[in-house]
Amino acid sequence: MLALLSQMSVIPVSQLEESNALSTPFVLSNESYLPIYVASLTCRFEDFEWTDGANLKGNKSLHKIGRSLSGQEKMTVPCYESLGIFSQYPLRQGTIMVEVGYRPFIWPFWTRTATRKFTAVTTSTGSVAWLPVI
């Protein structure tokens, strides 16, 4: 029963480098009052295309987190660190699927996965916002 109460949310925050849409970190939030153990973060990059024609299809980045989060605690994590990808041109399109492997701290043998998908949308100012795909 307590394991069912553990909930993890994933939301994007402002990109760190204005010219690099992949520099957007994500906030992982333990939405329950019980501690959880965050084991891993996988970011899948799907159908990325920049205005210069460069593209990235089907690449992924895996990060081992290995950290506990208290109830209601948040942490910020990057998806882009291990990719080494950068284009000086604006992003035309792209989708990121973020998967977080976690488990209730008091029930170490039951792992859950929170999966959230975001698509790139260019704002009126030319920056990229990541909107959830429902």
N, C-alpha and C. Protein backbone atom coordinates (compact mmCIF):
# COMPACT_ATOMS: atom_id res chain seq x y z
N MET A 1 0.82 -1.20 0.00
CA MET A 1 0.00 0.00 0.00
C MET A 1 0.86 1.26 0.00
N LEU A 2 1.90 1.30 0.83
CA LEU A 2 2.76 2.48 0.88
C LEU A 2 3.50 2.70 -0.43
N ALA A 3 3.85 1.60 -1.12
CA ALA A 3 4.54 1.73 -2.40
C ALA A 3 3.66 2.41 -3.43
N LEU A 4 2.37 2.21 -3.35
CA LEU A 4 1.46 2.83 -4.30
C LEU A 4 1.36 4.33 -4.09
N LEU A 5 1.71 4.79 -2.92
CA LEU A 5 1.63 6.23 -2.63
C LEU A 5 2.81 7.01 -3.17
N SER A 6 3.88 6.32 -3.59
CA SER A 6 5.05 7.03 -4.09
C SER A 6 4.78 7.54 -5.50
N GLN A 7 4.99 8.82 -5.70
CA GLN A 7 4.76 9.45 -7.00
C GLN A 7 5.95 10.35 -7.34
N MET A 8 6.37 10.29 -8.58
CA MET A 8 7.49 11.10 -9.06
C MET A 8 6.98 11.97 -10.21
N SER A 9 7.27 13.27 -10.17
CA SER A 9 6.93 14.13 -11.29
C SER A 9 8.21 14.61 -11.96
N VAL A 10 8.11 14.92 -13.24
CA VAL A 10 9.24 15.38 -14.04
C VAL A 10 8.78 16.60 -14.82
N ILE A 11 9.49 17.74 -14.64
CA ILE A 11 9.14 18.94 -15.40
C ILE A 11 10.42 19.61 -15.91
N PRO A 12 10.38 20.18 -17.11
CA PRO A 12 11.54 20.91 -17.62
C PRO A 12 11.61 22.30 -17.00
N VAL A 13 12.82 22.83 -16.90
CA VAL A 13 13.01 24.22 -16.46
C VAL A 13 13.72 24.97 -17.58
N SER A 14 13.98 26.23 -17.41
CA SER A 14 14.59 27.05 -18.47
C SER A 14 15.93 26.49 -18.89
N GLN A 15 16.17 26.55 -20.21
CA GLN A 15 17.45 26.07 -20.72
C GLN A 15 18.59 26.92 -20.19
N LEU A 16 19.73 26.27 -19.95
CA LEU A 16 20.88 26.96 -19.36
C LEU A 16 21.60 27.85 -20.36
N GLU A 17 21.64 27.43 -21.63
CA GLU A 17 22.25 28.21 -22.70
C GLU A 17 21.15 28.56 -23.69
N GLU A 18 20.94 29.84 -23.92
CA GLU A 18 19.83 30.28 -24.76
C GLU A 18 19.87 29.66 -26.15
N SER A 19 21.07 29.47 -26.69
CA SER A 19 21.19 28.96 -28.06
C SER A 19 21.22 27.43 -28.13
N ASN A 20 21.08 26.75 -27.00
CA ASN A 20 21.16 25.30 -26.99
C ASN A 20 19.94 24.70 -26.28
N ALA A 21 18.98 24.25 -27.06
CA ALA A 21 17.75 23.70 -26.48
C ALA A 21 18.00 22.45 -25.65
N LEU A 22 19.10 21.73 -25.95
CA LEU A 22 19.41 20.52 -25.19
C LEU A 22 19.98 20.81 -23.81
N SER A 23 20.23 22.08 -23.51
CA SER A 23 20.77 22.41 -22.19
C SER A 23 19.68 22.54 -21.13
N THR A 24 18.48 22.15 -21.48
CA THR A 24 17.36 22.23 -20.54
C THR A 24 17.47 21.13 -19.48
N PRO A 25 17.58 21.49 -18.21
CA PRO A 25 17.55 20.46 -17.16
C PRO A 25 16.11 20.15 -16.78
N PHE A 26 15.93 19.07 -16.05
CA PHE A 26 14.61 18.65 -15.60
C PHE A 26 14.59 18.55 -14.09
N VAL A 27 13.46 18.89 -13.50
CA VAL A 27 13.29 18.79 -12.05
C VAL A 27 12.52 17.51 -11.76
N LEU A 28 13.13 16.66 -10.94
CA LEU A 28 12.47 15.45 -10.45
C LEU A 28 11.93 15.78 -9.08
N SER A 29 10.68 15.48 -8.85
CA SER A 29 10.06 15.83 -7.59
C SER A 29 9.36 14.63 -6.97
N ASN A 30 9.71 14.35 -5.73
CA ASN A 30 9.03 13.31 -4.97
C ASN A 30 7.73 13.92 -4.45
N GLU A 31 6.62 13.52 -5.02
CA GLU A 31 5.33 14.10 -4.68
C GLU A 31 4.69 13.49 -3.44
N SER A 32 5.30 12.46 -2.89
CA SER A 32 4.72 11.82 -1.71
C SER A 32 5.38 12.37 -0.44
N TYR A 33 4.89 11.91 0.70
CA TYR A 33 5.47 12.31 1.97
C TYR A 33 6.49 11.29 2.47
N LEU A 34 6.62 10.19 1.73
CA LEU A 34 7.57 9.14 2.09
C LEU A 34 8.83 9.28 1.25
N PRO A 35 9.99 8.91 1.79
CA PRO A 35 11.21 9.00 1.00
C PRO A 35 11.23 7.97 -0.13
N ILE A 36 11.92 8.30 -1.21
CA ILE A 36 12.12 7.38 -2.32
C ILE A 36 13.59 7.37 -2.69
N TYR A 37 13.99 6.32 -3.37
CA TYR A 37 15.36 6.19 -3.85
C TYR A 37 15.33 6.30 -5.37
N VAL A 38 16.02 7.29 -5.92
CA VAL A 38 16.07 7.49 -7.36
C VAL A 38 17.30 6.77 -7.88
N ALA A 39 17.09 5.74 -8.69
CA ALA A 39 18.19 4.92 -9.17
C ALA A 39 18.79 5.44 -10.47
N SER A 40 17.94 5.83 -11.42
CA SER A 40 18.48 6.20 -12.74
C SER A 40 17.59 7.19 -13.47
N LEU A 41 18.18 7.83 -14.46
CA LEU A 41 17.48 8.74 -15.35
C LEU A 41 17.90 8.40 -16.76
N THR A 42 16.94 8.13 -17.63
CA THR A 42 17.23 7.88 -19.04
C THR A 42 16.50 8.93 -19.85
N CYS A 43 17.22 9.57 -20.75
CA CYS A 43 16.63 10.55 -21.66
C CYS A 43 16.75 10.02 -23.08
N ARG A 44 15.63 9.89 -23.75
CA ARG A 44 15.62 9.42 -25.13
C ARG A 44 15.31 10.61 -26.04
N PHE A 45 16.19 10.83 -27.00
CA PHE A 45 16.06 11.95 -27.92
C PHE A 45 15.52 11.42 -29.24
N GLU A 46 14.35 11.91 -29.62
CA GLU A 46 13.67 11.40 -30.81
C GLU A 46 13.44 12.52 -31.81
N ASP A 47 13.79 12.27 -33.04
CA ASP A 47 13.48 13.16 -34.17
C ASP A 47 13.88 14.62 -33.95
N PHE A 48 15.10 14.84 -33.51
CA PHE A 48 15.61 16.19 -33.37
C PHE A 48 16.08 16.69 -34.73
N GLU A 49 15.73 17.93 -35.04
CA GLU A 49 16.19 18.54 -36.29
C GLU A 49 16.43 20.03 -36.05
N TRP A 50 17.59 20.50 -36.49
CA TRP A 50 17.94 21.90 -36.38
C TRP A 50 17.71 22.59 -37.71
N THR A 51 17.67 23.91 -37.71
CA THR A 51 17.39 24.66 -38.92
C THR A 51 18.49 24.54 -39.98
N ASP A 52 19.68 24.08 -39.60
CA ASP A 52 20.75 23.88 -40.58
C ASP A 52 20.69 22.49 -41.21
N GLY A 53 19.69 21.67 -40.81
CA GLY A 53 19.54 20.34 -41.38
C GLY A 53 20.16 19.23 -40.55
N ALA A 54 20.94 19.58 -39.54
CA ALA A 54 21.51 18.55 -38.66
C ALA A 54 20.37 17.84 -37.93
N ASN A 55 20.56 16.54 -37.65
CA ASN A 55 19.50 15.83 -36.94
C ASN A 55 20.07 14.80 -35.98
N LEU A 56 19.23 14.37 -35.09
CA LEU A 56 19.55 13.37 -34.08
C LEU A 56 18.31 12.51 -33.92
N LYS A 57 18.45 11.23 -34.18
CA LYS A 57 17.28 10.35 -34.12
C LYS A 57 17.62 9.12 -33.29
N GLY A 58 16.83 8.86 -32.28
CA GLY A 58 16.95 7.62 -31.53
C GLY A 58 18.15 7.50 -30.62
N ASN A 59 18.70 8.60 -30.14
CA ASN A 59 19.84 8.54 -29.23
C ASN A 59 19.33 8.59 -27.79
N LYS A 60 20.11 8.06 -26.86
CA LYS A 60 19.69 8.14 -25.46
C LYS A 60 20.88 8.41 -24.56
N SER A 61 20.58 8.95 -23.42
CA SER A 61 21.57 9.29 -22.41
C SER A 61 21.12 8.66 -21.10
N LEU A 62 21.97 7.86 -20.47
CA LEU A 62 21.63 7.20 -19.21
C LEU A 62 22.51 7.76 -18.10
N HIS A 63 21.88 8.16 -17.01
CA HIS A 63 22.58 8.68 -15.84
C HIS A 63 22.23 7.83 -14.64
N LYS A 64 23.20 7.37 -13.93
CA LYS A 64 22.96 6.68 -12.66
C LYS A 64 22.89 7.75 -11.58
N ILE A 65 21.76 7.84 -10.90
CA ILE A 65 21.56 8.88 -9.89
C ILE A 65 21.99 8.39 -8.52
N GLY A 66 21.38 7.31 -8.03
CA GLY A 66 21.76 6.74 -6.75
C GLY A 66 21.61 7.68 -5.58
N ARG A 67 20.46 8.30 -5.47
CA ARG A 67 20.24 9.28 -4.40
C ARG A 67 18.82 9.15 -3.87
N SER A 68 18.67 9.33 -2.57
CA SER A 68 17.32 9.31 -2.00
C SER A 68 16.77 10.73 -1.96
N LEU A 69 15.46 10.81 -2.08
CA LEU A 69 14.75 12.08 -1.96
C LEU A 69 13.75 11.96 -0.82
N SER A 70 13.81 12.88 0.10
CA SER A 70 12.83 12.92 1.19
C SER A 70 11.46 13.25 0.61
N GLY A 71 10.44 13.10 1.42
CA GLY A 71 9.10 13.47 0.99
C GLY A 71 9.05 14.93 0.57
N GLN A 72 8.47 15.19 -0.58
CA GLN A 72 8.30 16.53 -1.15
C GLN A 72 9.62 17.17 -1.62
N GLU A 73 10.71 16.44 -1.61
CA GLU A 73 12.01 16.99 -2.04
C GLU A 73 12.13 16.95 -3.56
N LYS A 74 12.92 17.89 -4.10
CA LYS A 74 13.15 17.99 -5.54
C LYS A 74 14.64 17.97 -5.82
N MET A 75 14.98 17.57 -7.04
CA MET A 75 16.37 17.66 -7.49
C MET A 75 16.36 18.00 -8.99
N THR A 76 17.38 18.71 -9.43
CA THR A 76 17.50 19.09 -10.82
C THR A 76 18.56 18.21 -11.48
N VAL A 77 18.22 17.67 -12.65
CA VAL A 77 19.14 16.78 -13.36
C VAL A 77 19.20 17.18 -14.84
N PRO A 78 20.37 17.01 -15.45
CA PRO A 78 20.50 17.29 -16.88
C PRO A 78 20.22 16.04 -17.71
N CYS A 79 19.77 16.22 -18.92
CA CYS A 79 19.64 15.10 -19.85
C CYS A 79 20.78 15.10 -20.86
N TYR A 80 21.48 16.17 -20.97
CA TYR A 80 22.38 16.41 -22.09
C TYR A 80 23.84 16.13 -21.81
N GLU A 81 24.24 15.94 -20.57
CA GLU A 81 25.66 15.91 -20.20
C GLU A 81 26.51 14.96 -21.03
N SER A 82 26.06 13.73 -21.18
CA SER A 82 26.92 12.74 -21.83
C SER A 82 26.81 12.72 -23.34
N LEU A 83 25.93 13.54 -23.91
CA LEU A 83 25.78 13.51 -25.37
C LEU A 83 26.83 14.33 -26.10
N GLY A 84 27.23 15.47 -25.54
CA GLY A 84 28.19 16.34 -26.21
C GLY A 84 27.66 16.90 -27.51
N ILE A 85 26.36 17.16 -27.58
CA ILE A 85 25.72 17.65 -28.79
C ILE A 85 25.46 19.14 -28.67
N PHE A 86 25.79 19.84 -29.72
CA PHE A 86 25.51 21.27 -29.74
C PHE A 86 25.39 21.72 -31.18
N SER A 87 24.45 22.54 -31.47
CA SER A 87 24.33 23.17 -32.79
C SER A 87 24.14 24.65 -32.55
N GLN A 88 24.83 25.45 -33.33
CA GLN A 88 24.68 26.90 -33.18
C GLN A 88 23.38 27.39 -33.83
N TYR A 89 22.68 26.50 -34.50
CA TYR A 89 21.43 26.87 -35.15
C TYR A 89 20.25 26.51 -34.26
N PRO A 90 19.14 27.23 -34.43
CA PRO A 90 17.96 26.94 -33.61
C PRO A 90 17.38 25.55 -33.89
N LEU A 91 16.80 24.99 -32.87
CA LEU A 91 16.15 23.69 -32.99
C LEU A 91 14.82 23.87 -33.71
N ARG A 92 14.57 23.06 -34.73
CA ARG A 92 13.31 23.12 -35.47
C ARG A 92 12.26 22.22 -34.81
N GLN A 93 12.68 21.02 -34.41
CA GLN A 93 11.74 20.09 -33.77
C GLN A 93 12.52 19.08 -32.95
N GLY A 94 11.81 18.42 -32.07
CA GLY A 94 12.44 17.38 -31.26
C GLY A 94 11.52 16.93 -30.14
N THR A 95 11.75 15.70 -29.68
CA THR A 95 10.99 15.13 -28.58
C THR A 95 11.96 14.47 -27.62
N ILE A 96 11.78 14.72 -26.33
CA ILE A 96 12.57 14.07 -25.29
C ILE A 96 11.63 13.22 -24.44
N MET A 97 12.00 11.94 -24.26
CA MET A 97 11.28 11.09 -23.33
C MET A 97 12.18 10.89 -22.12
N VAL A 98 11.69 11.28 -20.95
CA VAL A 98 12.46 11.18 -19.72
C VAL A 98 11.89 10.04 -18.89
N GLU A 99 12.75 9.08 -18.54
CA GLU A 99 12.35 7.94 -17.73
C GLU A 99 13.16 7.94 -16.44
N VAL A 100 12.47 7.91 -15.31
CA VAL A 100 13.12 7.91 -14.00
C VAL A 100 12.82 6.58 -13.32
N GLY A 101 13.88 5.85 -12.99
CA GLY A 101 13.72 4.60 -12.25
C GLY A 101 13.86 4.89 -10.76
N TYR A 102 12.85 4.55 -9.98
CA TYR A 102 12.88 4.85 -8.54
C TYR A 102 12.14 3.76 -7.77
N ARG A 103 12.30 3.79 -6.48
CA ARG A 103 11.59 2.83 -5.63
C ARG A 103 11.30 3.48 -4.28
N PRO A 104 10.23 3.02 -3.64
CA PRO A 104 9.96 3.49 -2.28
C PRO A 104 11.12 3.09 -1.38
N PHE A 105 11.55 3.99 -0.55
CA PHE A 105 12.72 3.74 0.29
C PHE A 105 12.51 2.57 1.25
N ILE A 106 11.28 2.39 1.70
CA ILE A 106 11.02 1.32 2.67
C ILE A 106 10.70 -0.01 2.00
N TRP A 107 10.63 -0.04 0.66
CA TRP A 107 10.34 -1.26 -0.07
C TRP A 107 11.35 -1.40 -1.19
N PRO A 108 12.57 -1.85 -0.90
CA PRO A 108 13.69 -1.79 -1.85
C PRO A 108 13.60 -2.73 -3.04
N PHE A 109 12.66 -3.68 -3.05
CA PHE A 109 12.63 -4.66 -4.14
C PHE A 109 11.60 -4.34 -5.21
N TRP A 110 10.90 -3.25 -5.05
CA TRP A 110 9.86 -2.90 -6.01
C TRP A 110 10.23 -1.60 -6.70
N THR A 111 10.62 -1.69 -7.97
CA THR A 111 11.05 -0.52 -8.73
C THR A 111 9.91 -0.02 -9.61
N ARG A 112 9.78 1.29 -9.66
CA ARG A 112 8.78 1.94 -10.52
C ARG A 112 9.50 2.81 -11.53
N THR A 113 8.81 3.13 -12.61
CA THR A 113 9.35 4.02 -13.63
C THR A 113 8.35 5.12 -13.90
N ALA A 114 8.80 6.36 -13.81
CA ALA A 114 7.99 7.50 -14.20
C ALA A 114 8.47 7.92 -15.58
N THR A 115 7.58 7.94 -16.56
CA THR A 115 7.94 8.30 -17.93
C THR A 115 7.15 9.53 -18.35
N ARG A 116 7.86 10.53 -18.82
CA ARG A 116 7.22 11.75 -19.31
C ARG A 116 7.85 12.11 -20.66
N LYS A 117 7.01 12.59 -21.58
CA LYS A 117 7.48 12.94 -22.91
C LYS A 117 7.21 14.42 -23.15
N PHE A 118 8.21 15.10 -23.74
CA PHE A 118 8.11 16.53 -24.00
C PHE A 118 8.48 16.81 -25.45
N THR A 119 7.80 17.76 -26.07
CA THR A 119 8.12 18.15 -27.44
C THR A 119 8.55 19.61 -27.47
N ALA A 120 9.46 19.91 -28.38
CA ALA A 120 10.00 21.27 -28.50
C ALA A 120 9.04 22.16 -29.26
N VAL A 121 8.80 23.34 -28.72
CA VAL A 121 7.98 24.35 -29.37
C VAL A 121 8.76 25.65 -29.34
N THR A 122 8.89 26.29 -30.49
CA THR A 122 9.61 27.57 -30.56
C THR A 122 8.66 28.69 -30.16
N THR A 123 9.09 29.50 -29.20
CA THR A 123 8.26 30.61 -28.71
C THR A 123 8.40 31.81 -29.63
N SER A 124 7.63 32.85 -29.38
CA SER A 124 7.67 34.07 -30.20
C SER A 124 9.01 34.79 -30.08
N THR A 125 9.75 34.54 -28.99
CA THR A 125 11.06 35.17 -28.82
C THR A 125 12.18 34.35 -29.48
N GLY A 126 11.82 33.17 -30.01
CA GLY A 126 12.83 32.33 -30.66
C GLY A 126 13.45 31.29 -29.76
N SER A 127 13.14 31.31 -28.47
CA SER A 127 13.67 30.28 -27.58
C SER A 127 12.78 29.04 -27.66
N VAL A 128 13.26 27.94 -27.12
CA VAL A 128 12.53 26.69 -27.17
C VAL A 128 11.91 26.40 -25.81
N ALA A 129 10.64 26.04 -25.84
CA ALA A 129 9.96 25.59 -24.62
C ALA A 129 9.63 24.11 -24.81
N TRP A 130 9.74 23.35 -23.73
CA TRP A 130 9.42 21.93 -23.77
C TRP A 130 8.04 21.72 -23.18
N LEU A 131 7.09 21.30 -24.02
CA LEU A 131 5.72 21.09 -23.58
C LEU A 131 5.43 19.60 -23.44
N PRO A 132 4.65 19.22 -22.42
CA PRO A 132 4.35 17.79 -22.24
C PRO A 132 3.50 17.26 -23.37
N VAL A 133 3.78 16.02 -23.77
CA VAL A 133 2.97 15.31 -24.75
C VAL A 133 2.01 14.44 -23.96
N ILE A 134 0.75 14.62 -24.20
CA ILE A 134 -0.26 13.88 -23.43
C ILE A 134 -0.76 12.70 -24.23
